[in-house]
């Protein structure tokens, strides 16, 4: 399902090459859950962002469902990303959109017809226990609620793959357990 083959990522920092990810080989099958651990600055987020080509590898290939992402056209990559959900470390919610508006954004980008969106948004918010917050704005939510909105947005397109970048790093232990349960669900 997800296959990293000899994946490397280097950056130019002050005219020197910095290797963030070095020769990673990884094969994750359907229904498997993997965690990437390491020190701050070890390249975890960079590796994860390469999983949907938000960050392009310097070397190697990344395949999801036997499609090599770097071989896809721009349109094909956008379509592939609709099946790759991403939960960012810092939520990335739009302040000027309500909770349902933030979840709707993923569906809009995936060209889901408007008449289908309301049902999908309601289902996604129910999964993360935020149905009662649909008309609230991010500023009106706690950190845990914002993270659950991010999860609802990521799962709304019913992705085959869900990439999560430290989804519980800034949360209290009780909320962390709750978020992990939602992700597993």
Protein backbone atom coordinates (compact mmCIF):
# COMPACT_ATOMS: atom_id res chain seq x y z
CA UNK A 1 0.00 0.00 0.00
CA UNK A 2 2.76 2.52 0.95
CA UNK A 3 6.28 1.87 -0.25
CA UNK A 4 9.31 4.10 0.23
CA UNK A 5 12.30 2.91 -1.79
CA UNK A 6 15.72 4.42 -1.08
CA UNK A 7 14.14 7.78 -0.22
CA UNK A 8 16.46 10.69 0.55
CA UNK A 9 15.86 14.38 1.12
CA UNK A 10 18.56 17.02 1.24
CA UNK A 11 18.26 20.77 1.72
CA UNK A 12 20.72 23.52 0.98
CA UNK A 13 21.40 25.41 4.19
CA UNK A 14 23.92 28.27 4.09
CA UNK A 15 25.46 26.84 0.91
CA UNK A 16 25.90 23.43 2.53
CA UNK A 17 23.85 20.31 1.91
CA UNK A 18 21.90 19.06 4.89
CA UNK A 19 20.52 15.52 4.74
CA UNK A 20 17.14 15.38 6.47
CA UNK A 21 16.20 11.85 5.34
CA UNK A 22 18.74 9.27 4.26
CA UNK A 23 17.99 6.10 2.28
CA UNK A 24 14.68 5.13 3.86
CA UNK A 25 13.08 1.87 2.78
CA UNK A 26 9.65 1.21 4.17
CA UNK A 27 6.81 -1.08 3.16
CA UNK A 28 3.46 -0.63 4.89
CA UNK A 29 0.61 -2.95 4.02
CA UNK A 30 -3.10 -2.24 4.25
CA UNK A 31 -4.50 -1.91 7.80
CA UNK A 32 -1.04 -1.54 9.34
CA UNK A 33 -0.29 1.33 11.68
CA UNK A 34 3.25 2.67 11.91
CA UNK A 35 4.77 5.33 14.11
CA UNK A 36 7.91 7.25 13.31
CA UNK A 37 9.93 8.28 16.34
CA UNK A 38 13.12 10.27 16.73
CA UNK A 39 14.66 13.40 18.13
CA UNK A 40 13.46 16.86 17.19
CA UNK A 41 14.95 17.75 13.81
CA UNK A 42 15.54 14.11 12.87
CA UNK A 43 13.43 14.36 9.70
CA UNK A 44 10.17 12.77 10.88
CA UNK A 45 7.92 15.52 9.52
CA UNK A 46 9.91 15.70 6.29
CA UNK A 47 9.53 11.96 5.81
CA UNK A 48 5.80 12.14 6.52
CA UNK A 49 5.28 15.09 4.16
CA UNK A 50 6.95 13.08 1.41
CA UNK A 51 4.16 10.50 1.85
CA UNK A 52 1.86 12.74 -0.19
CA UNK A 53 4.58 14.67 -2.02
CA UNK A 54 4.06 17.90 -0.08
CA UNK A 55 7.83 17.51 0.14
CA UNK A 56 9.52 15.98 -2.89
CA UNK A 57 12.31 13.47 -2.30
CA UNK A 58 15.76 14.26 -3.63
CA UNK A 59 16.24 10.56 -4.43
CA UNK A 60 14.14 7.43 -4.37
CA UNK A 61 10.50 6.66 -5.00
CA UNK A 62 7.29 6.73 -3.01
CA UNK A 63 4.43 4.53 -4.15
CA UNK A 64 0.93 4.41 -2.79
CA UNK A 65 -1.32 1.64 -4.09
CA UNK A 66 1.34 0.80 -6.70
CA UNK A 67 1.35 4.34 -8.14
CA UNK A 68 4.70 6.09 -7.97
CA UNK A 69 3.72 9.58 -6.84
CA UNK A 70 6.52 11.41 -8.65
CA UNK A 71 5.42 9.83 -11.97
CA UNK A 72 1.92 11.30 -11.72
CA UNK A 73 0.81 14.41 -13.59
CA UNK A 74 -0.32 17.39 -11.54
CA UNK A 75 -3.96 16.40 -11.97
CA UNK A 76 -3.28 12.75 -11.13
CA UNK A 77 -1.34 13.78 -8.00
CA UNK A 78 -4.21 16.00 -6.83
CA UNK A 79 -6.59 13.06 -7.34
CA UNK A 80 -4.22 10.71 -5.47
CA UNK A 81 -3.99 13.19 -2.58
CA UNK A 82 -7.76 13.00 -2.20
CA UNK A 83 -7.17 9.44 -0.98
CA UNK A 84 -4.29 10.41 1.31
CA UNK A 85 -5.56 12.16 4.43
CA UNK A 86 -3.18 14.40 6.36
CA UNK A 87 -3.48 15.53 9.96
CA UNK A 88 -0.96 18.30 10.54
CA UNK A 89 0.82 19.00 13.82
CA UNK A 90 -0.52 22.55 13.99
CA UNK A 91 -4.13 21.94 12.82
CA UNK A 92 -3.96 24.33 9.79
CA UNK A 93 -7.58 25.35 10.22
CA UNK A 94 -8.93 28.39 8.43
CA UNK A 95 -9.94 31.01 11.02
CA UNK A 96 -12.60 32.53 8.75
CA UNK A 97 -14.43 29.21 8.26
CA UNK A 98 -16.62 27.41 10.74
CA UNK A 99 -15.90 23.84 11.80
CA UNK A 100 -18.16 22.52 9.05
CA UNK A 101 -16.54 24.96 6.61
CA UNK A 102 -13.10 23.61 7.46
CA UNK A 103 -14.25 20.03 6.91
CA UNK A 104 -16.03 21.07 3.73
CA UNK A 105 -12.80 22.48 2.31
CA UNK A 106 -11.30 19.01 1.81
CA UNK A 107 -14.47 17.91 0.05
CA UNK A 108 -14.52 21.01 -2.14
CA UNK A 109 -10.92 20.37 -3.19
CA UNK A 110 -11.87 16.76 -3.96
CA UNK A 111 -14.74 18.02 -6.17
CA UNK A 112 -17.39 16.27 -4.09
CA UNK A 113 -20.77 17.55 -5.27
CA UNK A 114 -22.34 20.11 -2.93
CA UNK A 115 -25.45 17.98 -2.34
CA UNK A 116 -23.27 15.16 -0.90
CA UNK A 117 -21.08 17.35 1.33
CA UNK A 118 -23.54 18.01 4.15
CA UNK A 119 -24.05 14.30 4.83
CA UNK A 120 -20.31 13.56 4.75
CA UNK A 121 -19.52 16.54 7.00
CA UNK A 122 -22.15 15.41 9.51
CA UNK A 123 -20.76 11.85 9.52
CA UNK A 124 -17.17 13.06 9.94
CA UNK A 125 -18.08 15.41 12.80
CA UNK A 126 -20.08 12.65 14.49
CA UNK A 127 -17.05 10.32 14.38
CA UNK A 128 -14.96 12.90 16.29
CA UNK A 129 -17.84 13.93 18.61
CA UNK A 130 -18.07 17.49 17.34
CA UNK A 131 -21.54 17.59 15.81
CA UNK A 132 -22.54 20.27 18.32
CA UNK A 133 -19.63 22.52 17.22
CA UNK A 134 -20.40 22.56 13.47
CA UNK A 135 -21.15 26.30 13.42
CA UNK A 136 -18.32 27.37 15.73
CA UNK A 137 -15.11 29.02 14.52
CA UNK A 138 -11.64 27.69 15.41
CA UNK A 139 -11.06 30.54 17.89
CA UNK A 140 -14.01 29.21 19.91
CA UNK A 141 -12.49 25.73 20.27
CA UNK A 142 -9.99 24.11 22.62
CA UNK A 143 -6.77 22.59 21.29
CA UNK A 144 -8.25 19.09 21.43
CA UNK A 145 -11.36 20.20 19.58
CA UNK A 146 -9.25 21.87 16.88
CA UNK A 147 -7.30 18.67 16.44
CA UNK A 148 -10.54 16.71 16.12
CA UNK A 149 -11.69 19.15 13.40
CA UNK A 150 -8.41 18.47 11.60
CA UNK A 151 -9.07 14.73 11.88
CA UNK A 152 -12.64 15.15 10.62
CA UNK A 153 -11.32 17.12 7.65
CA UNK A 154 -8.69 14.45 6.93
CA UNK A 155 -11.16 11.55 7.07
CA UNK A 156 -14.00 13.33 5.22
CA UNK A 157 -12.67 12.24 1.82
CA UNK A 158 -12.55 8.64 3.07
CA UNK A 159 -8.83 8.27 2.40
CA UNK A 160 -7.06 4.95 1.94
CA UNK A 161 -4.06 6.34 3.84
CA UNK A 162 -3.99 8.67 6.84
CA UNK A 163 -0.72 10.49 7.57
CA UNK A 164 -0.53 12.15 10.99
CA UNK A 165 2.23 14.56 11.99
CA UNK A 166 2.38 14.55 15.80
CA UNK A 167 -1.39 14.80 16.16
CA UNK A 168 -1.24 14.78 19.96
CA UNK A 169 1.99 16.69 20.67
CA UNK A 170 0.36 19.69 22.35
CA UNK A 171 -2.52 17.94 24.07
CA UNK A 172 -3.13 16.79 27.63
CA UNK A 173 -3.00 13.03 28.38
CA UNK A 174 -6.80 12.53 28.45
CA UNK A 175 -7.30 14.35 25.14
CA UNK A 176 -4.33 12.44 23.70
CA UNK A 177 -6.03 9.12 24.47
CA UNK A 178 -9.24 10.39 22.91
CA UNK A 179 -7.49 11.58 19.72
CA UNK A 180 -5.63 8.26 19.37
CA UNK A 181 -8.93 6.41 19.72
CA UNK A 182 -10.48 8.57 16.96
CA UNK A 183 -7.52 7.94 14.69
CA UNK A 184 -7.71 4.19 15.23
CA UNK A 185 -11.45 4.27 14.54
